[in-house]
Structures are given as structure tokens and as C-alpha cells.
Protein backbone atom coordinates (compact mmCIF):
# COMPACT_ATOMS: atom_id res chain seq x y z
CA UNK A 1 -39.64 -32.24 -27.38
CA UNK A 2 -41.86 -31.52 -23.74
CA UNK A 3 -42.56 -28.12 -22.49
CA UNK A 4 -40.03 -26.04 -20.67
CA UNK A 5 -41.20 -23.74 -17.85
CA UNK A 6 -40.64 -20.17 -18.39
CA UNK A 7 -38.02 -20.69 -15.28
CA UNK A 8 -36.51 -22.95 -16.89
CA UNK A 9 -36.44 -20.99 -19.49
CA UNK A 10 -34.72 -18.05 -17.30
CA UNK A 11 -32.83 -20.07 -15.74
CA UNK A 12 -31.05 -21.17 -19.43
CA UNK A 13 -31.11 -18.13 -20.92
CA UNK A 14 -28.88 -16.84 -17.52
CA UNK A 15 -26.00 -19.69 -18.35
CA UNK A 16 -26.12 -18.75 -22.02
CA UNK A 17 -25.22 -15.03 -21.25
CA UNK A 18 -22.83 -16.59 -18.93
CA UNK A 19 -21.34 -18.50 -20.87
CA UNK A 20 -21.04 -16.21 -23.50
CA UNK A 21 -18.88 -13.82 -21.05
CA UNK A 22 -16.67 -16.19 -19.95
CA UNK A 23 -15.66 -17.45 -23.10
CA UNK A 24 -15.96 -13.86 -25.16
CA UNK A 25 -13.04 -13.73 -27.20
CA UNK A 26 -11.74 -10.45 -24.98
CA UNK A 27 -12.21 -12.07 -22.16
CA UNK A 28 -9.95 -15.29 -22.97
CA UNK A 29 -7.47 -12.97 -24.10
CA UNK A 30 -7.30 -11.19 -20.79
CA UNK A 31 -7.07 -14.05 -19.24
CA UNK A 32 -3.74 -15.91 -21.20
CA UNK A 33 -2.08 -12.13 -20.75
CA UNK A 34 -2.17 -12.25 -17.33
CA UNK A 35 -1.53 -16.16 -17.25
CA UNK A 36 1.51 -15.06 -19.32
CA UNK A 37 2.52 -12.15 -16.92
CA UNK A 38 2.55 -13.94 -13.90
CA UNK A 39 4.66 -17.09 -15.24
CA UNK A 40 6.84 -14.71 -16.03
CA UNK A 41 6.75 -12.81 -12.59
CA UNK A 42 7.65 -16.39 -11.12
CA UNK A 43 10.68 -16.92 -13.71
CA UNK A 44 11.99 -13.42 -14.10
CA UNK A 45 11.70 -12.02 -10.46
CA UNK A 46 11.58 -14.81 -7.82
CA UNK A 47 13.24 -17.75 -9.87
CA UNK A 48 16.06 -15.82 -11.38
CA UNK A 49 19.44 -16.21 -9.49
CA UNK A 50 19.85 -13.33 -8.41
CA UNK A 51 16.39 -13.61 -6.33
CA UNK A 52 16.59 -17.57 -5.27
CA UNK A 53 13.19 -18.15 -4.39
CA UNK A 54 13.56 -21.80 -4.25
CA UNK A 55 10.32 -22.87 -2.30
CA UNK A 56 8.22 -24.71 -4.07
CA UNK A 57 4.96 -24.15 -2.53
CA UNK A 58 5.65 -20.69 -2.04
CA UNK A 59 6.23 -20.41 -5.85
CA UNK A 60 3.46 -22.14 -6.89
CA UNK A 61 1.19 -20.08 -4.13
CA UNK A 62 2.74 -16.94 -6.10
CA UNK A 63 1.44 -18.41 -9.37
CA UNK A 64 -1.72 -19.65 -8.21
CA UNK A 65 -3.02 -16.43 -6.79
CA UNK A 66 -4.63 -13.72 -9.24
CA UNK A 67 -2.17 -10.07 -8.22
CA UNK A 68 -4.14 -8.73 -10.64
CA UNK A 69 -7.20 -9.06 -8.58
CA UNK A 70 -5.78 -6.99 -6.16
CA UNK A 71 -4.59 -3.71 -7.86
CA UNK A 72 -6.89 -1.00 -8.84
CA UNK A 73 -8.74 -1.53 -12.41
CA UNK A 74 -6.76 0.92 -14.40
CA UNK A 75 -2.78 -0.94 -12.60
CA UNK A 76 -3.51 -4.22 -13.46
CA UNK A 77 -1.52 -4.18 -16.77
CA UNK A 78 0.93 -3.77 -14.06
CA UNK A 79 0.34 -6.21 -11.82
CA UNK A 80 3.03 -8.32 -12.22
CA UNK A 81 5.62 -5.54 -12.94
CA UNK A 82 8.89 -5.74 -10.57
CA UNK A 83 7.84 -3.01 -8.58
CA UNK A 84 4.86 -2.23 -5.85
CA UNK A 85 1.84 -0.81 -6.73
CA UNK A 86 -0.73 2.24 -5.46
CA UNK A 87 -3.98 0.88 -3.68
CA UNK A 88 -4.97 3.82 -2.11
CA UNK A 89 -5.30 5.93 1.08
CA UNK A 90 -1.32 6.02 0.40
CA UNK A 91 -0.45 2.47 0.51
CA UNK A 92 0.81 0.15 -1.83
CA UNK A 93 1.01 -4.03 -2.91
CA UNK A 94 4.46 -5.02 -2.44
CA UNK A 95 6.93 -5.66 -4.80
CA UNK A 96 5.92 -9.52 -5.68
CA UNK A 97 9.73 -10.64 -4.84
CA UNK A 98 9.04 -9.29 -0.78
CA UNK A 99 5.96 -11.02 -1.11
CA UNK A 100 7.58 -14.17 -2.29
CA UNK A 101 10.71 -13.67 0.04
CA UNK A 102 8.91 -12.62 3.46
CA UNK A 103 6.57 -15.34 2.76
CA UNK A 104 9.50 -17.84 2.35
CA UNK A 105 11.68 -16.52 5.38
CA UNK A 106 8.24 -17.53 7.36
CA UNK A 107 8.65 -21.28 6.76
CA UNK A 108 4.70 -21.66 6.19
CA UNK A 109 3.29 -24.74 7.22
CA UNK A 110 -0.41 -26.43 6.57
CA UNK A 111 -1.19 -26.87 10.19
CA UNK A 112 -0.18 -23.06 10.76
CA UNK A 113 -2.21 -19.91 12.54
CA UNK A 114 -0.89 -16.88 10.96
CA UNK A 115 -1.11 -13.08 12.10
CA UNK A 116 -0.59 -10.53 9.70
CA UNK A 117 -0.46 -6.85 10.52
CA UNK A 118 -1.33 -4.61 7.31
CA UNK A 119 -3.32 -6.04 5.44
CA UNK A 120 -3.47 -3.85 2.14
CA UNK A 121 -4.87 -4.79 -0.72
CA UNK A 122 -5.02 -8.90 0.63
CA UNK A 123 -2.36 -10.07 -1.53
CA UNK A 124 -0.12 -11.34 1.35
CA UNK A 125 -2.98 -12.93 2.92
CA UNK A 126 -4.27 -14.67 0.15
CA UNK A 127 -0.50 -16.07 -0.55
CA UNK A 128 -0.57 -16.80 2.94
CA UNK A 129 -3.57 -18.54 2.74
CA UNK A 130 -2.70 -21.01 0.21
CA UNK A 131 -0.28 -22.18 2.48
CA UNK A 132 -1.05 -22.60 5.94
CA UNK A 133 -4.44 -23.44 7.90
CA UNK A 134 -5.83 -20.18 8.94
CA UNK A 135 -4.77 -16.06 8.54
CA UNK A 136 -5.94 -13.48 10.68
CA UNK A 137 -5.34 -10.15 9.00
CA UNK A 138 -5.52 -6.27 10.88
CA UNK A 139 -5.55 -3.10 8.58
CA UNK A 140 -5.74 0.01 10.18
CA UNK A 141 -6.82 1.80 7.05
CA UNK A 142 -10.83 0.81 7.92
CA UNK A 143 -12.11 1.58 4.03
CA UNK A 144 -9.13 -1.01 2.90
CA UNK A 145 -9.78 -3.14 5.83
CA UNK A 146 -13.42 -3.87 4.51
CA UNK A 147 -12.20 -3.74 0.48
CA UNK A 148 -10.01 -6.88 1.44
CA UNK A 149 -12.25 -8.96 2.94
CA UNK A 150 -14.73 -8.48 -0.05
CA UNK A 151 -11.77 -9.56 -2.53
CA UNK A 152 -11.08 -12.68 -0.23
CA UNK A 153 -14.35 -13.64 -0.05
CA UNK A 154 -15.09 -13.04 -3.20
CA UNK A 155 -11.83 -15.19 -4.47
CA UNK A 156 -12.87 -17.97 -2.06
CA UNK A 157 -10.28 -17.87 0.25
CA UNK A 158 -12.57 -18.83 3.26
CA UNK A 159 -9.60 -19.19 6.25
CA UNK A 160 -9.04 -15.82 6.12
CA UNK A 161 -10.42 -13.31 8.68
CA UNK A 162 -9.74 -9.26 8.46
CA UNK A 163 -10.24 -6.84 11.34
CA UNK A 164 -10.33 -3.10 10.78
CA UNK A 165 -7.80 -2.27 13.78
CA UNK A 166 -4.60 -1.57 15.46
CA UNK A 167 -1.76 -4.45 14.08
CA UNK A 168 0.04 -2.78 16.99
CA UNK A 169 -1.92 -4.67 19.55
CA UNK A 170 -2.30 -7.85 17.79
CA UNK A 171 -5.30 -9.98 17.90
CA UNK A 172 -5.03 -11.87 21.57
CA UNK A 173 -8.43 -13.55 21.66
CA UNK A 174 -6.98 -15.46 19.00
CA UNK A 175 -3.62 -15.73 19.82
CA UNK A 176 -1.21 -17.66 20.08
CA UNK A 177 0.25 -18.17 16.39
CA UNK A 178 2.67 -20.05 14.99
CA UNK A 179 3.67 -17.17 12.92
CA UNK A 180 3.59 -13.89 12.67
CA UNK A 181 4.10 -11.25 9.58
CA UNK A 182 4.29 -7.03 9.66
CA UNK A 183 3.94 -5.60 6.20
CA UNK A 184 4.35 -2.31 7.89
CA UNK A 185 8.00 -0.37 9.54
CA UNK A 186 7.41 0.38 13.08
CA UNK A 187 10.62 1.58 14.67
CA UNK A 188 11.09 -1.23 17.65
CA UNK A 189 9.23 -4.65 17.17
CA UNK A 190 6.06 -4.36 18.69
CA UNK A 191 5.98 -6.29 22.19
CA UNK A 192 2.41 -7.23 21.89
CA UNK A 193 3.04 -9.23 18.70
CA UNK A 194 5.97 -11.17 20.37
CA UNK A 195 3.48 -12.27 23.57
CA UNK A 196 1.43 -13.31 20.96
CA UNK A 197 3.76 -15.67 19.21
CA UNK A 198 4.11 -19.34 20.79
CA UNK A 199 7.25 -20.42 21.78
CA UNK A 200 9.57 -21.82 18.87
CA UNK A 201 7.35 -19.48 16.66
CA UNK A 202 8.66 -17.38 13.70
CA UNK A 203 7.85 -13.67 12.61
CA UNK A 204 8.89 -11.24 10.10
CA UNK A 205 9.20 -8.07 10.46
CA UNK A 206 10.65 -5.02 8.73
CA UNK A 207 11.92 -2.45 11.13
CA UNK A 208 13.62 1.03 11.23
CA UNK A 209 12.68 4.68 10.65
CA UNK A 210 12.07 5.43 6.46
CA UNK A 211 15.75 5.15 4.89
CA UNK A 212 17.14 2.74 7.37
CA UNK A 213 14.66 0.01 7.62
CA UNK A 214 15.95 -3.88 7.88
CA UNK A 215 14.25 -6.64 7.65
CA UNK A 216 14.19 -9.37 10.64
CA UNK A 217 13.07 -13.04 10.94
CA UNK A 218 12.58 -13.49 14.50
CA UNK A 219 12.16 -17.01 16.54
CA UNK A 220 10.96 -17.20 19.74
CA UNK A 221 13.39 -19.94 21.97
CA UNK A 222 12.24 -19.78 25.90
CA UNK A 223 10.05 -16.33 26.03
CA UNK A 224 12.45 -14.15 23.92
CA UNK A 225 12.88 -13.30 20.85
CA UNK A 226 15.85 -13.96 18.67
CA UNK A 227 16.12 -11.90 15.42
CA UNK A 228 18.86 -11.54 12.82
CA UNK A 229 18.16 -8.94 9.61
CA UNK A 230 18.07 -10.21 6.50
CA UNK A 231 17.25 -7.61 3.87
CA UNK A 232 17.04 -3.66 3.65
CA UNK A 233 13.98 -2.81 2.99
CA UNK A 234 11.85 0.57 2.59
CA UNK A 235 8.15 0.11 3.82
CA UNK A 236 5.61 2.38 5.17
CA UNK A 237 5.94 3.08 8.68
CA UNK A 238 3.35 1.85 11.00
CA UNK A 239 0.57 3.63 12.91
CA UNK A 240 -1.03 2.94 16.27
CA UNK A 241 -0.05 1.74 18.96
CA UNK A 242 3.77 3.45 20.62
CA UNK A 243 4.66 3.28 17.27
CA UNK A 244 5.45 6.94 16.14
CA UNK A 245 4.58 6.23 12.46
CA UNK A 246 0.47 1.90 8.23
CA UNK A 247 2.24 -0.92 6.64
CA UNK A 248 2.72 -1.74 2.47
């Protein structure tokens, strides 16, 4: 065997360390547990008869996105359970069913450019990124925006742009959007978001005061937004803009 340079030895040693870490029994067990939990989530929470998520692409995205990567480390064991979880700053990551339900109702298409108001943990943006061409997402709590941007980049979501700012105003320089998803509840639908929606575009948004909120699906036709209520919900209030009330 010929001589091996010190630099090559260092590279080989680093590779061995990475491999040892990756294939460590506890790592494999943890990943297997998360995989099993995700499978149960899809089967019991999303496709169960009383839930009825049927869009195959949405279900595939919910299975693929590692939800445990978007929750605080101390709560990762609960990542796939049927309820929201705190992510800091009095905000939460939404219940898996709500994420899947809103995504399905948005009717995402591979060519879509989507605006999300209320980045939160970045989980909803990651699910959308599996289904559409571009995601523009705005978070009013600056530390959450920075953390979500870092996590999305770390996990390889290159088609998501994150902005720290007031979601009520939307992202006018990137408009128009094929779809808009809002994960916080204003008391009325923000007109800037309607204005930034393409004709024929879709929006899903919770509206109303705490304790009396409904999830609405809007479709913009001829410059006007036709809306229908689809589910009673409970989201954190929107802050910023003209709203008296931020997001999930």
C-alpha cells in the first residue's frame, strides 16, 4: 500500500467519525421511532374516516417532512401527536391535522408561488415547499423568523424565502401569488393579501376573535374574493397592520 498524506488521513478519520455517529444504535433507534410516529400520524390523524385527508401529494408531504426537526428538542418525543406544541414567544406549531387540512384546501400545484403569513416554526412552509414551486413566508416575531430560516436551510428547502416583518401587508414586490395561506387570525381578511392574490387564486385564512374563529377558503374571481367557512378553529391572533390582534 502506498503512502497516505496527512490530509487524506484527516479526511478518512472525519468520515469514520461521521459514519460512526450516523450508524450509532441510539441514532438508528431515534430515527426509527420518529418514522413509526410519523406513520401513525398519517394513518390515525389524517386519513382516519373522521378526518378524511385524501390528497395523495399532501399525505406524501406530511410523511416526508420531519416534523420533529421543527419543535424544541425537549418536545421532540411529542412532535407527531395530535395537538399543537409551543415553539416559544407565545407561539405554537399547529396540530398536524390542521396543517394537512389547510394545505389540502389550498389546492397546491407544482407551478404555484405561495405566500404564507405566520412562518412560526417553518413546518407549514416545509410542507408547502414539497408541493409548490416557491414559498414566500413572513413572520412578525423576528427570532422565530431567523430560526425558521436557519432550519429550512439546514434541511435543504431552497425554494423557501423567509422574511421578518408584518404579514398584514403581505409581500407586494413578490406578488401576485397563486395562493395565500394565513396561520394567524385577523378579525377581517386583510385587503392587501386579497390584492396580492392572482385572479383565480386561492386563500385559506382563520378569521374572527379568539373563541369565535372560522377557517375560510377564498377564491378571487374578477377582482373580488368569494369566501366560504369550512371549519371552526382556534389560532393565535394576528398582530401588525390594521389588525387588533400573530400566528400559530
